[in-house]
Amino acid sequence: MLTKDSAPQLLKGEFSHGQTNRLTLESADRQYEATGFTVEKHMNWAELSRRYRGTDPKHWDRIFAGHDKDHETYSAEAKAVAKDGAELNCRLAWPSGKNPQGICSDKAGKEFAVRFD
């Protein structure tokens, strides 16, 4: 669900990822929807190796084995389309264990901040 600090023009919205990636946003006059977009996982392996491999080998082993998710971040780009063809291009990012947030923009370039809980 959208949080209160999202753009006031967007009244409602939901974001889900996992088996089915889905984004819905609703303004006073339109409902936008995007499905099937990719959510990417990122880790800065060079930085993590530099920081932990020599100084904290046990922590490095947990990170490398995938047991320490604190260093993962996620991102998604989705094109949400309304029934009348209007589009919002959304870019979202979030660290592991946190909520997605980002910017959606319309064809005119107007940007709308979005944050989900």
Protein backbone atom coordinates (compact mmCIF):
# COMPACT_ATOMS: atom_id res chain seq x y z
CA MET A 1 0.00 0.00 0.00
CA LEU A 2 1.14 3.53 -0.69
CA THR A 3 2.28 5.48 2.36
CA LYS A 4 1.11 9.00 3.28
CA ASP A 5 4.35 10.60 2.08
CA SER A 6 3.76 9.49 -1.52
CA ALA A 7 2.64 12.02 -4.13
CA PRO A 8 -0.84 13.34 -3.18
CA GLN A 9 -2.07 12.88 -6.80
CA LEU A 10 -1.83 9.12 -6.29
CA LEU A 11 -4.64 8.02 -4.01
CA LYS A 12 -3.99 4.28 -3.74
CA GLY A 13 -1.42 1.78 -4.84
CA GLU A 14 0.03 -1.66 -4.24
CA PHE A 15 3.31 -3.34 -5.09
CA SER A 16 3.97 -7.06 -4.87
CA HIS A 17 6.93 -9.10 -5.99
CA GLY A 18 7.83 -12.74 -5.88
CA GLN A 19 6.04 -15.25 -8.08
CA THR A 20 3.94 -12.50 -9.66
CA ASN A 21 5.31 -8.97 -9.88
CA ARG A 22 2.48 -6.44 -9.88
CA LEU A 23 2.17 -2.67 -9.46
CA THR A 24 -1.13 -0.79 -9.29
CA LEU A 25 -1.55 2.94 -8.81
CA GLU A 26 -4.76 4.93 -8.70
CA SER A 27 -5.31 8.65 -9.23
CA ALA A 28 -8.63 10.50 -9.10
CA ASP A 29 -9.39 9.66 -12.74
CA ARG A 30 -7.26 6.62 -13.68
CA GLN A 31 -6.11 3.24 -12.49
CA TYR A 32 -2.67 2.12 -13.72
CA GLU A 33 -1.38 -1.44 -13.70
CA ALA A 34 1.89 -3.18 -14.52
CA THR A 35 2.52 -6.92 -14.34
CA GLY A 36 5.30 -9.26 -15.35
CA PHE A 37 8.17 -6.83 -14.89
CA THR A 38 11.52 -7.98 -13.54
CA VAL A 39 12.78 -7.38 -10.00
CA GLU A 40 16.56 -7.49 -9.93
CA LYS A 41 18.77 -8.32 -6.95
CA HIS A 42 22.06 -6.44 -6.54
CA MET A 43 25.11 -6.90 -4.36
CA ASN A 44 28.37 -4.97 -4.57
CA TRP A 45 30.67 -7.98 -4.40
CA ALA A 46 33.87 -5.95 -4.81
CA GLU A 47 33.01 -3.67 -1.89
CA LEU A 48 31.82 -6.54 0.30
CA SER A 49 34.96 -8.54 -0.42
CA ARG A 50 37.18 -5.54 0.35
CA ARG A 51 35.35 -4.84 3.57
CA TYR A 52 34.82 -8.33 5.03
CA ARG A 53 36.92 -11.01 3.33
CA GLY A 54 40.20 -10.27 5.14
CA THR A 55 38.90 -8.59 8.29
CA ASP A 56 35.84 -10.68 9.17
CA PRO A 57 36.05 -14.03 7.35
CA LYS A 58 33.06 -15.57 9.17
CA HIS A 59 30.85 -12.66 8.12
CA TRP A 60 32.22 -12.91 4.56
CA ASP A 61 31.40 -16.63 4.48
CA ARG A 62 27.79 -15.90 5.55
CA ILE A 63 27.46 -13.20 2.87
CA PHE A 64 29.03 -15.36 0.15
CA ALA A 65 26.82 -18.34 1.05
CA GLY A 66 23.70 -16.15 0.81
CA HIS A 67 22.82 -16.36 4.50
CA ASP A 68 23.33 -12.64 5.25
CA LYS A 69 20.68 -10.76 3.25
CA ASP A 70 21.47 -7.34 4.80
CA HIS A 71 23.75 -6.48 1.88
CA GLU A 72 21.22 -7.15 -0.89
CA THR A 73 19.32 -4.41 -2.67
CA TYR A 74 16.51 -4.74 -5.18
CA SER A 75 15.27 -2.65 -8.07
CA ALA A 76 12.42 -2.72 -10.56
CA GLU A 77 11.36 -0.73 -13.58
CA ALA A 78 7.71 -1.02 -14.53
CA LYS A 79 5.46 0.66 -17.07
CA ALA A 80 2.02 0.99 -15.52
CA VAL A 81 -0.70 1.53 -18.12
CA ALA A 82 -4.27 2.83 -17.69
CA LYS A 83 -7.21 1.61 -19.80
CA ASP A 84 -7.11 4.85 -21.83
CA GLY A 85 -3.44 4.25 -22.72
CA ALA A 86 -1.92 6.73 -20.26
CA GLU A 87 1.37 5.48 -18.84
CA LEU A 88 3.47 5.91 -15.73
CA ASN A 89 7.08 4.75 -15.93
CA CYS A 90 8.18 3.73 -12.44
CA ARG A 91 11.64 3.10 -11.04
CA LEU A 92 11.74 1.55 -7.59
CA ALA A 93 14.58 0.45 -5.33
CA TRP A 94 14.88 -0.91 -1.80
CA PRO A 95 17.34 -2.64 0.50
CA SER A 96 16.59 -6.14 1.76
CA GLY A 97 14.03 -6.06 4.55
CA LYS A 98 12.85 -2.53 3.69
CA ASN A 99 9.94 -1.24 1.61
CA PRO A 100 10.07 -0.23 -2.07
CA GLN A 101 10.18 3.44 -2.97
CA GLY A 102 10.96 5.50 -6.03
CA ILE A 103 9.65 7.78 -8.73
CA CYS A 104 6.97 7.37 -11.37
CA SER A 105 6.79 9.79 -14.29
CA ASP A 106 4.17 10.41 -16.95
CA LYS A 107 4.81 11.09 -20.65
CA ALA A 108 5.01 14.84 -19.97
CA GLY A 109 7.85 14.24 -17.51
CA LYS A 110 5.88 15.03 -14.36
CA GLU A 111 7.26 12.98 -11.47
CA PHE A 112 5.38 11.37 -8.61
CA ALA A 113 7.14 10.04 -5.51
CA VAL A 114 5.94 6.62 -4.40
CA ARG A 115 6.67 4.72 -1.22
CA PHE A 116 5.06 1.45 -0.24
CA ASP A 117 4.63 -0.15 3.20
